[in-house]
Amino acid sequence: MRKSVLLAGLWAALCLGGAPAQAETVPGSVGFSAVASLPVPSPVATVRYGPAAPQFAELYLPAGSVPAPVLVLVHGGCWLNAYGLDHIRALAGALAAEGYAVWSLEYRRVGDDGGGWPGTGEDVQAAVAALGKAPFAARLDLQRTAVLGHSAGGHLALWLASHWPEALPAPKLALGLAPITDLPAYAAGDNSCEVATPQFLGGLPETAPAAYAAADPLPKTSGATAFALIHGADDPIVAPAQSEAFAQTLGRAGRAVTLEILPAHGHFALIHPHSPAYPVLTGVLGEALAP
């Protein structure tokens, strides 16, 4: 498949050099509007991995010239095309300023032609595979890669860890931020995101069991990838029980897993670079991807 690359602006301006500006810390209860209103950087490159409009990834790079550890970032939004990667650009830029190369994925979602399962899963796999031919390849240390995602993107990130392209080194870490991990249980709920689950998977668990099984983020085999989960104790959109059960199941299977439940945190603080959750996130990444 042909991939086109759009190089954006002057290199010196786009590699996010310099120390990040200081900003007042926001509380753990911060909402979506605060995340969506953050100033955002421009990516260094935008790479298409397919012909559909949502089939692209954005690359953010830190300052300097040495190879940087790579973060594959998957945005959330209930798997719905009402929410795109624009709301996670501020986090991508903040993580690039921390010294990471960030590969932020867009993908077909419910409401897009071909979106929902399995198209969404196929897209995020193809977007990761495109990383092997990304621009500025000399800046990417693919031996130190983590995949992370938030909410529905957390589900996809955890699923990706077990469905990684064979041509690339396996990720050292799969990190779920308030991830949806138990799809049948989530589909039984009635909040605005839970009711999107049958739309994403083509039905309820009893009518689309194969889709639920195929999209299950629990790894079916052993592997070298470690898992981590960060969840707000007061999350009204994805209950902390989702992460707790996932971690318990992995632990019983002997997989490396850590779980952080953050008191007085809701759903969106986990992707706000000025929330108390942010240093928890960077601490987990730094430990996993240290040279």
Protein backbone atom coordinates (compact mmCIF):
# COMPACT_ATOMS: atom_id res chain seq x y z
CA MET A 1 0.00 0.00 0.00
CA ARG A 2 1.38 3.39 -0.96
CA LYS A 3 2.05 5.72 1.95
CA SER A 4 2.30 9.46 1.47
CA VAL A 5 4.15 11.74 3.87
CA LEU A 6 3.32 15.37 4.57
CA LEU A 7 6.20 17.25 6.19
CA ALA A 8 4.93 20.15 8.24
CA GLY A 9 6.77 23.43 8.66
CA LEU A 10 10.33 24.13 9.68
CA TRP A 11 12.17 21.33 11.41
CA ALA A 12 13.61 23.52 14.12
CA ALA A 13 10.18 24.82 15.07
CA LEU A 14 8.48 21.45 15.03
CA CYS A 15 10.85 19.28 17.02
CA LEU A 16 9.44 20.82 20.18
CA GLY A 17 12.72 22.11 21.49
CA GLY A 18 13.12 24.03 24.71
CA ALA A 19 11.62 23.58 28.13
CA PRO A 20 7.83 23.37 28.31
CA ALA A 21 6.10 26.44 29.67
CA GLN A 22 5.01 26.21 33.25
CA ALA A 23 1.26 25.92 33.76
CA GLU A 24 -0.97 25.82 36.77
CA THR A 25 -1.86 22.31 37.88
CA VAL A 26 -5.47 21.31 37.25
CA PRO A 27 -7.42 19.06 39.64
CA GLY A 28 -8.01 15.37 39.08
CA SER A 29 -11.66 16.14 38.40
CA VAL A 30 -10.84 18.08 35.21
CA GLY A 31 -13.26 17.43 32.34
CA PHE A 32 -13.10 16.93 28.60
CA SER A 33 -13.53 20.61 27.77
CA ALA A 34 -10.33 21.48 29.63
CA VAL A 35 -8.43 18.85 27.67
CA ALA A 36 -9.93 19.90 24.34
CA SER A 37 -9.08 23.58 24.91
CA LEU A 38 -5.36 23.03 25.54
CA PRO A 39 -2.94 24.62 23.06
CA VAL A 40 -1.48 22.00 20.76
CA PRO A 41 1.77 21.65 18.82
CA SER A 42 2.03 20.71 15.17
CA PRO A 43 3.35 17.24 14.32
CA VAL A 44 6.66 16.89 12.54
CA ALA A 45 5.00 14.65 9.94
CA THR A 46 1.64 13.19 9.05
CA VAL A 47 1.77 9.74 7.47
CA ARG A 48 -1.09 8.09 5.59
CA TYR A 49 -1.34 4.29 5.94
CA GLY A 50 -4.55 3.86 3.90
CA PRO A 51 -6.89 5.68 1.50
CA ALA A 52 -9.69 6.54 3.95
CA ALA A 53 -9.64 10.00 5.52
CA PRO A 54 -9.06 8.74 9.11
CA GLN A 55 -6.20 6.40 8.12
CA PHE A 56 -3.19 8.45 9.18
CA ALA A 57 -0.74 8.87 12.03
CA GLU A 58 1.02 11.95 13.39
CA LEU A 59 4.67 11.97 14.43
CA TYR A 60 6.02 14.20 17.20
CA LEU A 61 9.75 14.31 17.98
CA PRO A 62 11.77 15.66 20.88
CA ALA A 63 14.60 18.14 20.50
CA GLY A 64 18.01 16.83 19.58
CA SER A 65 19.30 14.31 17.08
CA VAL A 66 19.73 11.06 18.98
CA PRO A 67 17.26 8.17 18.60
CA ALA A 68 14.37 8.48 21.05
CA PRO A 69 12.18 5.78 22.62
CA VAL A 70 8.87 5.49 20.80
CA LEU A 71 5.36 5.88 22.18
CA VAL A 72 2.46 4.59 20.07
CA LEU A 73 -0.46 6.70 21.30
CA VAL A 74 -4.10 5.70 20.75
CA HIS A 75 -6.83 8.24 21.51
CA GLY A 76 -10.19 7.35 23.00
CA GLY A 77 -13.72 8.55 22.43
CA CYS A 78 -15.99 5.50 22.76
CA TRP A 79 -14.77 4.19 19.36
CA LEU A 80 -17.02 6.90 17.80
CA ASN A 81 -16.03 9.18 14.93
CA ALA A 82 -17.33 12.17 16.89
CA TYR A 83 -13.98 12.10 18.72
CA GLY A 84 -10.63 12.22 16.92
CA LEU A 85 -6.98 12.52 17.82
CA ASP A 86 -7.22 16.32 18.04
CA HIS A 87 -8.07 16.10 21.75
CA ILE A 88 -4.90 14.13 22.54
CA ARG A 89 -2.45 16.33 20.62
CA ALA A 90 -1.54 18.30 23.76
CA LEU A 91 -0.54 15.07 25.50
CA ALA A 92 1.45 13.97 22.44
CA GLY A 93 3.34 17.26 22.46
CA ALA A 94 3.99 17.08 26.21
CA LEU A 95 5.38 13.55 25.91
CA ALA A 96 7.61 14.60 23.02
CA ALA A 97 8.98 17.38 25.22
CA GLU A 98 9.81 14.65 27.77
CA GLY A 99 12.12 13.04 25.23
CA TYR A 100 9.85 10.55 23.43
CA ALA A 101 9.05 10.10 19.77
CA VAL A 102 5.24 9.94 19.71
CA TRP A 103 3.34 8.12 16.95
CA SER A 104 -0.28 9.22 17.45
CA LEU A 105 -2.83 7.10 15.59
CA GLU A 106 -6.03 8.06 13.84
CA TYR A 107 -8.30 5.27 12.66
CA ARG A 108 -11.77 4.50 11.35
CA ARG A 109 -14.39 4.50 14.07
CA VAL A 110 -18.13 3.86 14.39
CA GLY A 111 -19.75 6.25 11.92
CA ASP A 112 -16.93 5.93 9.37
CA ASP A 113 -17.24 3.65 6.37
CA GLY A 114 -15.47 0.47 7.46
CA GLY A 115 -15.24 1.61 11.09
CA GLY A 116 -16.18 -0.56 14.05
CA TRP A 117 -14.96 -4.11 14.47
CA PRO A 118 -12.92 -5.48 12.73
CA GLY A 119 -12.02 -2.38 10.68
CA THR A 120 -10.89 -0.37 13.69
CA GLY A 121 -8.59 -3.16 14.84
CA GLU A 122 -7.17 -3.58 11.35
CA ASP A 123 -6.49 0.15 11.16
CA VAL A 124 -4.52 0.43 14.38
CA GLN A 125 -2.45 -2.61 13.35
CA ALA A 126 -1.74 -1.04 9.95
CA ALA A 127 -0.86 2.28 11.59
CA VAL A 128 1.70 0.55 13.81
CA ALA A 129 3.12 -1.36 10.84
CA ALA A 130 3.60 1.98 9.05
CA LEU A 131 5.94 2.99 11.87
CA GLY A 132 8.56 0.76 10.27
CA LYS A 133 8.65 3.13 7.27
CA ALA A 134 8.06 6.38 9.12
CA PRO A 135 9.98 9.53 8.23
CA PHE A 136 12.94 10.49 10.43
CA ALA A 137 13.57 6.77 11.01
CA ALA A 138 17.02 7.55 12.40
CA ARG A 139 15.33 9.35 15.30
CA LEU A 140 13.26 6.31 16.34
CA ASP A 141 14.60 3.75 18.81
CA LEU A 142 12.20 0.94 17.97
CA GLN A 143 13.90 -1.34 20.50
CA ARG A 144 12.35 0.86 23.21
CA THR A 145 8.68 1.12 22.31
CA ALA A 146 5.55 1.42 24.44
CA VAL A 147 1.92 1.45 23.33
CA LEU A 148 -0.52 3.48 25.39
CA GLY A 149 -4.09 4.57 25.02
CA HIS A 150 -6.94 6.21 26.88
CA SER A 151 -10.45 4.83 27.44
CA ALA A 152 -11.56 3.10 24.21
CA GLY A 153 -8.04 3.83 22.98
CA GLY A 154 -6.81 2.04 26.09
CA HIS A 155 -8.74 -1.02 24.96
CA LEU A 156 -7.10 -0.78 21.54
CA ALA A 157 -3.61 -0.22 22.99
CA LEU A 158 -3.87 -3.28 25.24
CA TRP A 159 -5.25 -5.33 22.33
CA LEU A 160 -2.42 -4.13 20.08
CA ALA A 161 0.19 -5.47 22.48
CA SER A 162 -0.90 -9.00 21.54
CA HIS A 163 -1.48 -8.20 17.85
CA TRP A 164 1.75 -6.36 17.10
CA PRO A 165 3.21 -6.46 13.57
CA GLU A 166 5.82 -9.21 13.42
CA ALA A 167 8.24 -6.99 11.51
CA LEU A 168 8.65 -4.67 14.51
CA PRO A 169 10.22 -5.34 17.91
CA ALA A 170 7.52 -6.12 20.49
CA PRO A 171 6.64 -3.23 22.80
CA LYS A 172 8.27 -3.24 26.19
CA LEU A 173 5.11 -1.83 27.79
CA ALA A 174 1.37 -1.71 27.11
CA LEU A 175 -0.20 1.06 29.20
CA GLY A 176 -3.93 1.56 29.60
CA LEU A 177 -5.20 4.91 30.88
CA ALA A 178 -8.72 4.32 32.20
CA PRO A 179 -8.96 1.50 29.66
CA ILE A 180 -12.06 -0.46 28.72
CA THR A 181 -10.93 -4.05 29.28
CA ASP A 182 -14.06 -6.17 29.80
CA LEU A 183 -16.16 -5.64 26.70
CA PRO A 184 -19.18 -7.80 27.65
CA ALA A 185 -19.47 -6.12 31.06
CA TYR A 186 -19.07 -2.68 29.50
CA ALA A 187 -21.75 -3.42 26.90
CA ALA A 188 -24.21 -4.13 29.72
CA GLY A 189 -23.99 -0.55 31.00
CA ASP A 190 -26.09 2.42 29.99
CA ASN A 191 -23.84 5.48 30.12
CA SER A 192 -23.08 7.38 26.92
CA CYS A 193 -19.92 5.40 26.20
CA GLU A 194 -21.12 1.99 27.33
CA VAL A 195 -24.04 2.09 24.89
CA ALA A 196 -21.54 2.52 22.02
CA THR A 197 -20.03 -0.92 22.67
CA PRO A 198 -22.66 -2.90 20.72
CA GLN A 199 -22.32 -0.40 17.88
CA PHE A 200 -18.56 -0.96 17.84
CA LEU A 201 -18.81 -4.76 17.96
CA GLY A 202 -21.89 -5.28 15.83
CA GLY A 203 -24.25 -6.39 18.58
CA LEU A 204 -24.51 -7.52 22.17
CA PRO A 205 -22.28 -10.32 23.49
CA GLU A 206 -24.98 -12.94 22.92
CA THR A 207 -25.52 -11.88 19.29
CA ALA A 208 -21.90 -11.14 18.29
CA PRO A 209 -19.78 -13.48 20.45
CA ALA A 210 -17.03 -13.87 17.84
CA ALA A 211 -16.43 -10.12 17.68
CA TYR A 212 -16.22 -9.82 21.47
CA ALA A 213 -13.76 -12.71 21.60
CA ALA A 214 -11.58 -11.32 18.80
CA ALA A 215 -11.51 -7.83 20.36
CA ASP A 216 -10.73 -9.07 23.88
CA PRO A 217 -7.58 -7.23 25.04
CA LEU A 218 -6.42 -9.98 27.39
CA PRO A 219 -3.27 -11.61 25.95
CA LYS A 220 -3.82 -15.25 25.06
CA THR A 221 -0.14 -16.25 25.14
CA SER A 222 2.94 -15.43 27.18
CA GLY A 223 5.12 -12.61 26.02
CA ALA A 224 7.81 -10.14 27.01
CA THR A 225 5.53 -7.08 27.05
CA ALA A 226 4.78 -5.74 30.52
CA PHE A 227 1.39 -4.22 31.29
CA ALA A 228 0.46 -1.17 33.36
CA LEU A 229 -2.86 0.47 34.10
CA ILE A 230 -3.64 3.89 35.55
CA HIS A 231 -7.22 4.67 36.54
CA GLY A 232 -9.04 7.41 38.40
CA ALA A 233 -10.92 6.25 41.48
CA ASP A 234 -13.82 8.60 40.64
CA ASP A 235 -14.10 7.78 36.94
CA PRO A 236 -17.80 7.94 35.92
CA ILE A 237 -17.22 6.76 32.33
CA VAL A 238 -15.04 3.66 32.79
CA ALA A 239 -15.27 2.12 36.26
CA PRO A 240 -11.96 1.33 38.00
CA ALA A 241 -13.21 -2.26 38.30
CA GLN A 242 -12.36 -2.66 34.60
CA SER A 243 -8.64 -2.12 35.29
CA GLU A 244 -8.72 -4.00 38.58
CA ALA A 245 -10.14 -7.16 37.02
CA PHE A 246 -7.73 -6.98 34.07
CA ALA A 247 -4.72 -6.63 36.38
CA GLN A 248 -5.90 -9.50 38.58
CA THR A 249 -6.33 -11.79 35.59
CA LEU A 250 -2.88 -10.93 34.24
CA GLY A 251 -1.32 -11.41 37.65
CA ARG A 252 -2.85 -14.85 38.04
CA ALA A 253 -1.43 -15.75 34.63
CA GLY A 254 2.04 -14.71 35.75
CA ARG A 255 2.27 -11.65 33.48
CA ALA A 256 4.11 -8.53 34.63
CA VAL A 257 1.48 -5.92 35.52
CA THR A 258 1.14 -2.81 37.68
CA LEU A 259 -2.01 -0.92 38.60
CA GLU A 260 -2.32 2.64 39.92
CA ILE A 261 -5.73 3.81 41.16
CA LEU A 262 -5.53 7.57 41.67
CA PRO A 263 -7.77 9.02 44.40
CA ALA A 264 -9.96 12.01 43.48
CA HIS A 265 -9.30 11.53 39.76
CA GLY A 266 -11.91 11.25 37.06
CA HIS A 267 -11.65 10.15 33.45
CA PHE A 268 -9.92 12.99 31.61
CA ALA A 269 -7.21 13.99 34.08
CA LEU A 270 -5.22 11.01 32.80
CA ILE A 271 -4.62 12.76 29.46
CA HIS A 272 -4.20 16.32 30.77
CA PRO A 273 -0.48 17.24 30.94
CA HIS A 274 -1.02 19.56 33.94
CA SER A 275 -2.97 17.15 36.14
CA PRO A 276 -1.55 15.22 39.11
CA ALA A 277 -1.87 12.08 36.96
CA TYR A 278 0.74 13.25 34.47
CA PRO A 279 3.86 12.59 36.59
CA VAL A 280 2.44 9.16 37.41
CA LEU A 281 2.17 8.49 33.68
CA THR A 282 5.67 9.74 32.89
CA GLY A 283 7.09 7.79 35.82
CA VAL A 284 5.64 4.52 34.51
CA LEU A 285 6.96 5.24 31.00
CA GLY A 286 10.38 6.28 32.23
CA GLU A 287 10.83 3.11 34.25
CA ALA A 288 9.74 0.84 31.40
CA LEU A 289 11.76 2.54 28.65
CA ALA A 290 14.97 3.41 30.50
CA PRO A 291 18.12 2.57 28.52
